[in-house]
Amino acid sequence: MFEGSLAAVTLVDADLRKMSEKMGYEQALKAAGAEVYILEHFGSYQGEWLALVEFNGNAGWVEGSYGSCSGCDSFESEFDYRDDEKEDYKDRLAEFGMRYLDTIYKTPEILPKYIKQAEWDLDAEEIVKFLQNPETYPSAHVLMQASAVHHGD
């Protein structure tokens, strides 16, 4: 009986790995054409995520929220577990990712929001620490672009 249970757990783990490689917010951003340097989740069964991206020559932060079920998570609401097997999946995934790329924030633009939110939200405190620690960002040139406010040409 134990061997069967272990096999079932191994199968579930393999399915979850497959799902995380093909499905999720990071994959949606990439499908939309963004280079994703880092995507960090803040919270437990629900919370917010930030991703450092480069898209159409603009580098900075995009943000979203996530949850533990389709009622409180946009991705889970939009996509079913087996949707990656459907013919239109890549197009739908790219369209979903584009929703988050409409606004790309520079660090000085997004940080005040989370500083204010940290007055009542413990997860926001973690986001502030994350944004204020440049060593968490992977690429110096992207960090420089994400840290500077762009005022147009």
Protein backbone atom coordinates (compact mmCIF):
# COMPACT_ATOMS: atom_id res chain seq x y z
CA MET A 1 0.00 0.00 0.00
CA PHE A 2 2.81 2.43 0.84
CA GLU A 3 4.53 1.80 -2.52
CA GLY A 4 1.35 2.77 -4.40
CA SER A 5 1.02 5.95 -2.34
CA LEU A 6 4.64 6.85 -3.05
CA ALA A 7 4.09 6.30 -6.76
CA ALA A 8 1.01 8.55 -6.67
CA VAL A 9 2.97 11.31 -4.90
CA THR A 10 5.79 11.00 -7.44
CA LEU A 11 3.26 11.25 -10.28
CA VAL A 12 1.66 14.34 -8.72
CA ASP A 13 5.11 15.94 -8.25
CA ALA A 14 5.94 15.28 -11.90
CA ASP A 15 2.62 16.78 -13.01
CA LEU A 16 3.21 19.88 -10.87
CA ARG A 17 6.71 20.32 -12.34
CA LYS A 18 5.29 20.00 -15.86
CA MET A 19 2.60 22.53 -15.06
CA SER A 20 5.04 25.06 -13.56
CA GLU A 21 7.33 24.80 -16.60
CA LYS A 22 4.53 25.43 -19.11
CA MET A 23 1.97 27.41 -17.14
CA GLY A 24 2.07 30.45 -14.90
CA TYR A 25 2.63 34.17 -14.83
CA GLU A 26 6.30 33.96 -15.83
CA GLN A 27 5.49 31.78 -18.83
CA ALA A 28 2.70 34.19 -19.83
CA LEU A 29 5.07 37.18 -19.72
CA LYS A 30 7.61 35.27 -21.81
CA ALA A 31 4.93 34.18 -24.30
CA ALA A 32 4.02 37.86 -24.73
CA GLY A 33 7.63 38.61 -25.71
CA ALA A 34 9.14 39.83 -22.44
CA GLU A 35 12.53 38.81 -21.12
CA VAL A 36 11.87 37.82 -17.50
CA TYR A 37 14.92 38.25 -15.29
CA ILE A 38 13.26 37.41 -12.01
CA LEU A 39 9.74 36.75 -10.75
CA GLU A 40 9.23 36.75 -7.00
CA HIS A 41 6.09 35.81 -5.05
CA PHE A 42 5.21 37.51 -1.76
CA GLY A 43 2.65 35.87 0.49
CA SER A 44 1.61 32.30 1.06
CA TYR A 45 -1.59 30.88 -0.41
CA GLN A 46 -2.38 34.31 -1.83
CA GLY A 47 -0.36 37.45 -2.33
CA GLU A 48 1.41 39.55 -4.90
CA TRP A 49 4.17 38.93 -7.38
CA LEU A 50 6.73 41.24 -8.98
CA ALA A 51 8.72 40.50 -12.09
CA LEU A 52 11.75 42.35 -13.43
CA VAL A 53 11.27 42.34 -17.19
CA GLU A 54 12.50 43.88 -20.38
CA PHE A 55 9.88 44.43 -23.06
CA ASN A 56 10.10 46.51 -26.24
CA GLY A 57 13.30 48.16 -25.00
CA ASN A 58 11.79 49.14 -21.65
CA ALA A 59 13.04 47.47 -18.47
CA GLY A 60 11.36 47.57 -15.09
CA TRP A 61 8.83 45.94 -12.82
CA VAL A 62 5.43 44.46 -13.59
CA GLU A 63 3.14 43.31 -10.83
CA GLY A 64 0.16 41.13 -10.17
CA SER A 65 -1.57 39.10 -7.53
CA TYR A 66 -2.13 35.38 -7.14
CA GLY A 67 -4.32 33.08 -5.13
CA SER A 68 -4.83 29.44 -4.33
CA CYS A 69 -7.88 28.82 -6.49
CA SER A 70 -9.57 29.92 -9.70
CA GLY A 71 -11.81 32.25 -7.71
CA CYS A 72 -8.89 34.40 -6.54
CA ASP A 73 -6.14 33.76 -9.11
CA SER A 74 -6.40 35.24 -12.60
CA PHE A 75 -4.18 32.62 -14.21
CA GLU A 76 -6.05 29.71 -12.65
CA SER A 77 -9.33 31.32 -13.65
CA GLU A 78 -8.18 31.74 -17.26
CA PHE A 79 -6.41 28.42 -17.77
CA ASP A 80 -7.26 24.85 -16.90
CA TYR A 81 -4.65 22.25 -15.92
CA ARG A 82 -4.66 20.69 -19.41
CA ASP A 83 -4.99 23.90 -21.45
CA ASP A 84 -1.33 23.67 -22.51
CA GLU A 85 -2.38 20.76 -24.71
CA LYS A 86 -4.91 22.87 -26.64
CA GLU A 87 -4.14 24.34 -30.05
CA ASP A 88 -4.80 27.96 -29.06
CA TYR A 89 -2.86 27.79 -25.77
CA LYS A 90 0.22 29.75 -26.87
CA ASP A 91 -1.86 32.59 -28.31
CA ARG A 92 -4.08 32.77 -25.21
CA LEU A 93 -1.01 32.64 -22.96
CA ALA A 94 0.65 35.52 -24.85
CA GLU A 95 -2.55 37.58 -24.73
CA PHE A 96 -2.83 36.97 -20.99
CA GLY A 97 0.80 38.01 -20.44
CA MET A 98 0.32 41.23 -22.42
CA ARG A 99 -2.18 42.43 -19.81
CA TYR A 100 0.66 42.78 -17.32
CA LEU A 101 3.07 44.47 -19.73
CA ASP A 102 0.91 47.55 -20.29
CA THR A 103 2.60 49.29 -17.37
CA ILE A 104 6.25 48.75 -16.58
CA TYR A 105 7.37 50.59 -13.45
CA LYS A 106 10.82 51.84 -12.57
CA THR A 107 11.88 51.15 -8.98
CA PRO A 108 11.35 54.77 -7.81
CA GLU A 109 7.82 54.64 -9.22
CA ILE A 110 6.70 51.39 -7.61
CA LEU A 111 8.54 51.52 -4.26
CA PRO A 112 6.38 54.29 -2.67
CA LYS A 113 3.23 52.24 -3.27
CA TYR A 114 4.61 49.33 -1.25
CA ILE A 115 6.10 51.56 1.45
CA LYS A 116 2.61 52.99 2.02
CA GLN A 117 1.00 49.55 1.81
CA ALA A 118 3.51 48.20 4.38
CA GLU A 119 1.72 50.26 7.04
CA TRP A 120 -0.96 47.54 7.12
CA ASP A 121 0.31 44.68 4.90
CA LEU A 122 3.11 42.41 6.16
CA ASP A 123 3.73 41.04 2.66
CA ALA A 124 4.37 44.59 1.46
CA GLU A 125 7.19 44.87 4.00
CA GLU A 126 8.87 41.94 2.23
CA ILE A 127 8.35 43.62 -1.13
CA VAL A 128 9.96 46.83 0.15
CA LYS A 129 12.99 44.88 1.42
CA PHE A 130 13.20 43.08 -1.91
CA LEU A 131 13.04 46.28 -3.97
CA GLN A 132 15.55 48.05 -1.76
CA ASN A 133 18.10 45.23 -2.09
CA PRO A 134 19.69 45.49 -5.56
CA GLU A 135 21.64 42.28 -4.95
CA THR A 136 18.40 40.40 -5.56
CA TYR A 137 18.35 41.57 -9.18
CA PRO A 138 20.25 39.48 -11.69
CA SER A 139 21.65 41.93 -14.24
CA ALA A 140 23.45 45.23 -13.65
CA HIS A 141 22.27 46.86 -16.88
CA VAL A 142 18.66 45.85 -16.25
CA LEU A 143 18.94 47.06 -12.66
CA MET A 144 20.20 50.43 -13.85
CA GLN A 145 17.32 50.73 -16.32
CA ALA A 146 14.74 49.56 -13.76
CA SER A 147 16.06 51.98 -11.15
CA ALA A 148 15.95 55.08 -13.34
CA VAL A 149 12.71 56.91 -14.05
CA HIS A 150 12.18 57.33 -17.80
CA HIS A 151 10.77 60.72 -18.75
CA GLY A 152 10.41 60.17 -22.50
CA ASP A 153 12.44 61.58 -25.38
